[in-house]
């Protein structure tokens, strides 16, 4: 989680500069901000999916059904 702040902080700084200091905000900056925020969201959802799958493997239960799963190996 902490590693994603390094990507989002500049986006927040640009928006704060626009809101508070009246700095200009261009379309190119908005597109860049959208790409950064979208990429961070993809990273976070992918990590969550991987962590959920690892937990199911370790616990032997499914989060969806809550039933015990046996392995075929």
N, C-alpha and C. Protein backbone atom coordinates (compact mmCIF):
# COMPACT_ATOMS: atom_id res chain seq x y z
N UNK A 1 0.82 -1.19 0.00
CA UNK A 1 0.00 0.00 0.00
C UNK A 1 0.87 1.26 0.00
N UNK A 2 1.92 1.27 0.77
CA UNK A 2 2.76 2.45 0.87
C UNK A 2 3.44 2.76 -0.46
N UNK A 3 3.80 1.75 -1.22
CA UNK A 3 4.49 1.98 -2.49
C UNK A 3 3.61 2.71 -3.49
N UNK A 4 2.31 2.58 -3.41
CA UNK A 4 1.43 3.26 -4.36
C UNK A 4 1.30 4.75 -4.07
N UNK A 5 1.57 5.18 -2.84
CA UNK A 5 1.49 6.60 -2.52
C UNK A 5 2.50 7.41 -3.34
N UNK A 6 3.64 6.82 -3.66
CA UNK A 6 4.65 7.52 -4.45
C UNK A 6 4.11 7.90 -5.83
N UNK A 7 3.18 7.12 -6.35
CA UNK A 7 2.60 7.42 -7.66
C UNK A 7 1.44 8.40 -7.57
N UNK A 8 0.68 8.32 -6.51
CA UNK A 8 -0.53 9.14 -6.38
C UNK A 8 -0.23 10.53 -5.83
N UNK A 9 0.81 10.69 -5.03
CA UNK A 9 1.12 11.99 -4.43
C UNK A 9 1.30 13.11 -5.46
N UNK A 10 2.03 12.89 -6.56
CA UNK A 10 2.14 13.99 -7.54
C UNK A 10 0.80 14.39 -8.15
N UNK A 11 -0.08 13.44 -8.33
CA UNK A 11 -1.41 13.74 -8.87
C UNK A 11 -2.17 14.63 -7.89
N UNK A 12 -2.11 14.29 -6.62
CA UNK A 12 -2.78 15.09 -5.60
C UNK A 12 -2.16 16.48 -5.52
N UNK A 13 -0.84 16.57 -5.63
CA UNK A 13 -0.16 17.87 -5.58
C UNK A 13 -0.60 18.76 -6.74
N UNK A 14 -0.76 18.19 -7.93
CA UNK A 14 -1.20 18.97 -9.09
C UNK A 14 -2.61 19.51 -8.85
N UNK A 15 -3.50 18.66 -8.36
CA UNK A 15 -4.88 19.11 -8.12
C UNK A 15 -4.95 20.15 -7.00
N UNK A 16 -4.15 19.98 -5.95
CA UNK A 16 -4.13 20.98 -4.89
C UNK A 16 -3.58 22.31 -5.39
N UNK A 17 -2.55 22.25 -6.23
CA UNK A 17 -2.01 23.46 -6.82
C UNK A 17 -3.04 24.19 -7.66
N UNK A 18 -3.84 23.42 -8.38
CA UNK A 18 -4.90 24.01 -9.20
C UNK A 18 -5.99 24.63 -8.32
N UNK A 19 -6.39 23.92 -7.27
CA UNK A 19 -7.48 24.40 -6.41
C UNK A 19 -7.04 25.58 -5.53
N UNK A 20 -5.87 25.48 -4.94
CA UNK A 20 -5.47 26.47 -3.94
C UNK A 20 -4.69 27.63 -4.56
N UNK A 21 -3.71 27.31 -5.41
CA UNK A 21 -2.82 28.35 -5.93
C UNK A 21 -3.23 28.88 -7.30
N UNK A 22 -4.28 28.30 -7.88
CA UNK A 22 -4.74 28.79 -9.17
C UNK A 22 -3.82 28.42 -10.33
N UNK A 23 -3.04 27.38 -10.18
CA UNK A 23 -2.16 26.94 -11.26
C UNK A 23 -2.98 26.37 -12.41
N UNK A 24 -2.38 26.41 -13.60
CA UNK A 24 -3.12 25.91 -14.77
C UNK A 24 -3.13 24.38 -14.78
N UNK A 25 -4.20 23.85 -15.33
CA UNK A 25 -4.39 22.41 -15.43
C UNK A 25 -4.75 22.11 -16.89
N UNK A 26 -3.88 21.38 -17.57
CA UNK A 26 -4.09 21.12 -19.00
C UNK A 26 -4.72 19.74 -19.20
N UNK A 27 -5.23 19.53 -20.40
CA UNK A 27 -5.80 18.23 -20.74
C UNK A 27 -4.77 17.11 -20.66
N UNK A 28 -3.56 17.43 -21.04
CA UNK A 28 -2.47 16.44 -20.98
C UNK A 28 -2.22 16.02 -19.52
N UNK A 29 -2.29 16.96 -18.60
CA UNK A 29 -2.10 16.64 -17.19
C UNK A 29 -3.24 15.77 -16.68
N UNK A 30 -4.48 16.05 -17.10
CA UNK A 30 -5.62 15.25 -16.67
C UNK A 30 -5.52 13.82 -17.20
N UNK A 31 -5.09 13.66 -18.45
CA UNK A 31 -4.92 12.32 -19.01
C UNK A 31 -3.84 11.56 -18.25
N UNK A 32 -2.74 12.24 -17.96
CA UNK A 32 -1.67 11.60 -17.18
C UNK A 32 -2.13 11.19 -15.80
N UNK A 33 -2.91 12.06 -15.14
CA UNK A 33 -3.43 11.74 -13.82
C UNK A 33 -4.36 10.54 -13.87
N UNK A 34 -5.20 10.48 -14.91
CA UNK A 34 -6.12 9.35 -15.04
C UNK A 34 -5.35 8.05 -15.27
N UNK A 35 -4.30 8.10 -16.06
CA UNK A 35 -3.48 6.90 -16.31
C UNK A 35 -2.82 6.44 -15.02
N UNK A 36 -2.29 7.37 -14.25
CA UNK A 36 -1.62 7.01 -12.99
C UNK A 36 -2.60 6.38 -12.01
N UNK A 37 -3.74 7.04 -11.79
CA UNK A 37 -4.72 6.52 -10.84
C UNK A 37 -5.27 5.18 -11.31
N UNK A 38 -5.55 5.04 -12.60
CA UNK A 38 -6.03 3.77 -13.13
C UNK A 38 -5.01 2.65 -12.97
N UNK A 39 -3.75 2.96 -13.20
CA UNK A 39 -2.69 1.96 -13.04
C UNK A 39 -2.54 1.51 -11.59
N UNK A 40 -2.61 2.45 -10.68
CA UNK A 40 -2.52 2.10 -9.25
C UNK A 40 -3.70 1.22 -8.86
N UNK A 41 -4.89 1.52 -9.38
CA UNK A 41 -6.06 0.69 -9.08
C UNK A 41 -5.88 -0.72 -9.62
N UNK A 42 -5.33 -0.85 -10.82
CA UNK A 42 -5.07 -2.19 -11.38
C UNK A 42 -4.07 -2.95 -10.53
N UNK A 43 -3.03 -2.28 -10.10
CA UNK A 43 -2.02 -2.93 -9.26
C UNK A 43 -2.64 -3.43 -7.97
N UNK A 44 -3.44 -2.58 -7.34
CA UNK A 44 -4.04 -2.96 -6.05
C UNK A 44 -5.03 -4.10 -6.21
N UNK A 45 -5.85 -4.10 -7.25
CA UNK A 45 -6.81 -5.19 -7.41
C UNK A 45 -6.12 -6.49 -7.78
N UNK A 46 -5.03 -6.42 -8.54
CA UNK A 46 -4.29 -7.63 -8.90
C UNK A 46 -3.63 -8.24 -7.67
N UNK A 47 -3.02 -7.41 -6.84
CA UNK A 47 -2.39 -7.91 -5.61
C UNK A 47 -3.43 -8.53 -4.69
N UNK A 48 -4.61 -7.92 -4.60
CA UNK A 48 -5.67 -8.45 -3.74
C UNK A 48 -6.12 -9.82 -4.25
N UNK A 49 -6.27 -9.96 -5.56
CA UNK A 49 -6.68 -11.25 -6.13
C UNK A 49 -5.65 -12.32 -5.86
N UNK A 50 -4.38 -11.98 -6.00
CA UNK A 50 -3.31 -12.94 -5.75
C UNK A 50 -3.29 -13.33 -4.29
N UNK A 51 -3.43 -12.35 -3.39
CA UNK A 51 -3.42 -12.64 -1.96
C UNK A 51 -4.61 -13.51 -1.55
N UNK A 52 -5.78 -13.25 -2.13
CA UNK A 52 -6.96 -14.06 -1.83
C UNK A 52 -6.75 -15.51 -2.27
N UNK A 53 -6.17 -15.69 -3.45
CA UNK A 53 -5.92 -17.04 -3.96
C UNK A 53 -4.90 -17.77 -3.08
N UNK A 54 -3.88 -17.06 -2.63
CA UNK A 54 -2.88 -17.67 -1.74
C UNK A 54 -3.50 -18.08 -0.41
N UNK A 55 -4.39 -17.24 0.13
CA UNK A 55 -5.04 -17.57 1.40
C UNK A 55 -5.91 -18.82 1.25
N UNK A 56 -6.61 -18.94 0.12
CA UNK A 56 -7.44 -20.13 -0.10
C UNK A 56 -6.59 -21.38 -0.17
N UNK A 57 -5.44 -21.29 -0.81
CA UNK A 57 -4.55 -22.45 -0.91
C UNK A 57 -4.05 -22.86 0.47
N UNK A 58 -3.69 -21.89 1.29
CA UNK A 58 -3.14 -22.18 2.61
C UNK A 58 -4.20 -22.71 3.57
N UNK A 59 -5.40 -22.14 3.51
CA UNK A 59 -6.43 -22.53 4.47
C UNK A 59 -7.22 -23.75 4.02
N UNK A 60 -7.26 -23.98 2.71
CA UNK A 60 -8.02 -25.11 2.19
C UNK A 60 -9.51 -24.84 2.12
N UNK A 61 -9.92 -23.58 2.33
CA UNK A 61 -11.34 -23.24 2.23
C UNK A 61 -11.55 -22.21 1.15
N UNK A 62 -12.74 -22.20 0.63
CA UNK A 62 -13.10 -21.23 -0.40
C UNK A 62 -13.80 -20.05 0.26
N UNK A 63 -13.38 -18.83 -0.09
CA UNK A 63 -14.04 -17.65 0.47
C UNK A 63 -15.45 -17.50 -0.07
N UNK A 64 -15.70 -18.05 -1.24
CA UNK A 64 -17.02 -17.91 -1.85
C UNK A 64 -18.02 -18.83 -1.16
N UNK A 65 -17.68 -20.12 -1.01
CA UNK A 65 -18.63 -21.07 -0.44
C UNK A 65 -18.37 -21.37 1.02
N UNK A 66 -17.13 -21.15 1.47
CA UNK A 66 -16.79 -21.47 2.85
C UNK A 66 -16.61 -22.97 3.09
N UNK A 67 -16.63 -23.74 2.01
CA UNK A 67 -16.51 -25.19 2.15
C UNK A 67 -15.04 -25.60 2.08
N UNK A 68 -14.74 -26.67 2.74
CA UNK A 68 -13.39 -27.22 2.71
C UNK A 68 -13.13 -27.83 1.35
N UNK A 69 -11.95 -27.53 0.82
CA UNK A 69 -11.58 -28.08 -0.48
C UNK A 69 -10.40 -29.04 -0.30
N UNK A 70 -10.48 -30.19 -0.93
CA UNK A 70 -9.36 -31.11 -0.89
C UNK A 70 -8.55 -30.96 -2.16
N UNK A 71 -7.26 -31.15 -2.03
CA UNK A 71 -6.40 -31.02 -3.21
C UNK A 71 -6.31 -32.37 -3.90
N UNK A 72 -6.09 -32.34 -5.20
CA UNK A 72 -6.02 -33.56 -5.98
C UNK A 72 -4.62 -34.14 -6.00
N UNK A 73 -3.66 -33.48 -5.35
CA UNK A 73 -2.28 -33.98 -5.36
C UNK A 73 -1.97 -34.75 -4.12
